[in-house]
C-alpha atoms as a PDB file:
ATOM      1  CA  MET A   1       1.841 -11.151 -22.627  1.00  0.00           C
ATOM      2  CA  ASP A   2       1.031  -8.443 -25.458  1.00  0.00           C
ATOM      3  CA  GLN A   3      -2.434  -9.789 -25.781  1.00  0.00           C
ATOM      4  CA  GLU A   4      -2.618 -10.332 -22.045  1.00  0.00           C
ATOM      5  CA  LYS A   5      -1.669  -6.959 -21.806  1.00  0.00           C
ATOM      6  CA  GLU A   6      -4.354  -5.725 -24.298  1.00  0.00           C
ATOM      7  CA  ARG A   7      -6.902  -7.182 -22.433  1.00  0.00           C
ATOM      8  CA  PHE A   8      -5.983  -6.101 -18.760  1.00  0.00           C
ATOM      9  CA  CYS A   9      -5.870  -2.312 -20.422  1.00  0.00           C
ATOM     10  CA  SER A  10      -9.187  -2.987 -22.203  1.00  0.00           C
ATOM     11  CA  ARG A  11     -10.550  -4.379 -18.777  1.00  0.00           C
ATOM     12  CA  LEU A  12      -9.067  -1.849 -16.632  1.00  0.00           C
ATOM     13  CA  ALA A  13     -10.597   0.925 -19.015  1.00  0.00           C
ATOM     14  CA  SER A  14     -14.189  -0.260 -17.882  1.00  0.00           C
ATOM     15  CA  ILE A  15     -13.751   0.655 -14.411  1.00  0.00           C
ATOM     16  CA  PRO A  16     -14.962   4.039 -13.529  1.00  0.00           C
ATOM     17  CA  GLY A  17     -12.518   6.657 -12.905  1.00  0.00           C
ATOM     18  CA  ILE A  18      -9.710   4.657 -14.270  1.00  0.00           C
ATOM     19  CA  ARG A  19      -8.280   5.384 -17.251  1.00  0.00           C
ATOM     20  CA  PRO A  20      -5.076   3.693 -18.919  1.00  0.00           C
ATOM     21  CA  LEU A  21      -2.757   6.074 -20.670  1.00  0.00           C
ATOM     22  CA  PRO A  22      -0.977   4.866 -23.944  1.00  0.00           C
ATOM     23  CA  SER A  23       2.061   2.919 -23.039  1.00  0.00           C
ATOM     24  CA  PRO A  24       4.669   1.552 -25.223  1.00  0.00           C
ATOM     25  CA  GLN A  25       4.540  -1.746 -26.431  1.00  0.00           C
ATOM     26  CA  THR A  26       7.161  -3.238 -24.749  1.00  0.00           C
ATOM     27  CA  GLY A  27       7.318  -3.634 -20.754  1.00  0.00           C
ATOM     28  CA  ASP A  28       4.693  -5.273 -18.605  1.00  0.00           C
ATOM     29  CA  TRP A  29       3.412  -1.943 -16.827  1.00  0.00           C
ATOM     30  CA  ILE A  30       0.284  -0.048 -17.406  1.00  0.00           C
ATOM     31  CA  LEU A  31      -0.208   3.435 -16.131  1.00  0.00           C
ATOM     32  CA  LEU A  32      -3.439   4.640 -14.846  1.00  0.00           C
ATOM     33  CA  LYS A  33      -4.543   8.222 -14.670  1.00  0.00           C
ATOM     34  CA  VAL A  34      -6.747   7.862 -11.282  1.00  0.00           C
ATOM     35  CA  PRO A  35      -8.120  10.416  -8.625  1.00  0.00           C
ATOM     36  CA  ALA A  36      -6.372  10.241  -5.371  1.00  0.00           C
ATOM     37  CA  PRO A  37      -3.366   8.064  -6.383  1.00  0.00           C
ATOM     38  CA  ALA A  38      -1.564   7.032  -3.197  1.00  0.00           C
ATOM     39  CA  ASP A  39      -5.178   6.886  -1.426  1.00  0.00           C
ATOM     40  CA  LEU A  40      -5.909   3.900  -3.654  1.00  0.00           C
ATOM     41  CA  ALA A  41      -2.624   2.107  -4.031  1.00  0.00           C
ATOM     42  CA  ARG A  42      -2.425   1.854  -0.209  1.00  0.00           C
ATOM     43  CA  LYS A  43      -6.068   0.069   0.017  1.00  0.00           C
ATOM     44  CA  VAL A  44      -5.332  -2.149  -3.000  1.00  0.00           C
ATOM     45  CA  ASN A  45      -1.917  -3.243  -1.740  1.00  0.00           C
ATOM     46  CA  ARG A  46      -3.350  -3.631   1.762  1.00  0.00           C
ATOM     47  CA  ARG A  47      -5.688  -6.247   0.136  1.00  0.00           C
ATOM     48  CA  LEU A  48      -3.591  -7.826  -2.179  1.00  0.00           C
ATOM     49  CA  GLU A  49      -0.141  -7.846  -1.933  1.00  0.00           C
ATOM     50  CA  PRO A  50       2.282  -4.638  -1.073  1.00  0.00           C
ATOM     51  CA  GLY A  51       3.575  -3.112  -4.508  1.00  0.00           C
ATOM     52  CA  THR A  52       0.614  -4.048  -6.566  1.00  0.00           C
ATOM     53  CA  LEU A  53      -0.003  -0.594  -7.286  1.00  0.00           C
ATOM     54  CA  SER A  54       2.705   1.709  -7.480  1.00  0.00           C
ATOM     55  CA  VAL A  55       2.655   5.476  -7.614  1.00  0.00           C
ATOM     56  CA  PRO A  56       5.520   6.991  -9.535  1.00  0.00           C
ATOM     57  CA  ARG A  57       6.736  10.393  -8.401  1.00  0.00           C
ATOM     58  CA  THR A  58       7.492  12.360 -11.727  1.00  0.00           C
ATOM     59  CA  ILE A  59       3.771  11.781 -12.996  1.00  0.00           C
ATOM     60  CA  SER A  60       0.883  13.306 -10.811  1.00  0.00           C
ATOM     61  CA  GLY A  61      -2.431  11.750 -10.662  1.00  0.00           C
ATOM     62  CA  THR A  62      -1.377   8.172 -11.707  1.00  0.00           C
ATOM     63  CA  VAL A  63      -0.544   4.874 -10.362  1.00  0.00           C
ATOM     64  CA  ARG A  64       1.306   1.845 -12.434  1.00  0.00           C
ATOM     65  CA  VAL A  65       0.409  -1.844 -12.394  1.00  0.00           C
ATOM     66  CA  HIS A  66       2.373  -4.608 -13.251  1.00  0.00           C
ATOM     67  CA  VAL A  67       0.743  -6.788 -16.009  1.00  0.00           C
ATOM     68  CA  SER A  68       0.374 -10.456 -14.783  1.00  0.00           C
ATOM     69  CA  ASP A  69      -0.992 -13.647 -15.507  1.00  0.00           C
ATOM     70  CA  PRO A  70      -4.999 -13.647 -16.373  1.00  0.00           C
ATOM     71  CA  LYS A  71      -5.769 -14.904 -12.832  1.00  0.00           C
ATOM     72  CA  ARG A  72      -3.599 -12.207 -11.008  1.00  0.00           C
ATOM     73  CA  ASN A  73      -5.185  -9.677 -13.110  1.00  0.00           C
ATOM     74  CA  GLU A  74      -8.594 -10.566 -12.622  1.00  0.00           C
ATOM     75  CA  ALA A  75      -7.895 -10.325  -8.990  1.00  0.00           C
ATOM     76  CA  LEU A  76      -6.732  -6.951  -9.367  1.00  0.00           C
ATOM     77  CA  LEU A  77      -9.516  -6.144 -11.475  1.00  0.00           C
ATOM     78  CA  LYS A  78     -12.154  -7.196  -8.621  1.00  0.00           C
ATOM     79  CA  THR A  79     -10.024  -5.280  -5.897  1.00  0.00           C
ATOM     80  CA  LEU A  80     -10.068  -2.031  -8.040  1.00  0.00           C
ATOM     81  CA  ARG A  81     -13.854  -2.210  -8.575  1.00  0.00           C
ATOM     82  CA  ASP A  82     -14.780  -2.872  -5.068  1.00  0.00           C
ATOM     83  CA  VAL A  83     -11.890  -0.196  -3.830  1.00  0.00           C
ATOM     84  CA  VAL A  84     -13.309   2.657  -6.542  1.00  0.00           C
ATOM     85  CA  ALA A  85     -17.516   1.746  -6.040  1.00  0.00           C
END
């Protein structure tokens, strides 16, 4: 899972307007600094499935994304590119 997390994080960083924040090595979540987090989460969750992105209440300007298998991660990357374009 660590290799997939690193790969996924790197791919997320390539999307304009999305900046992965440093996260602990343990855990399967990545925190992303984004403009309009609630709007982004709503759009992505409608296209994929509810809960794909969540908006943490304690860290403003961010969404949290779960690291999954490569196929699901690629679907999320495509959706994020479409939504922020």
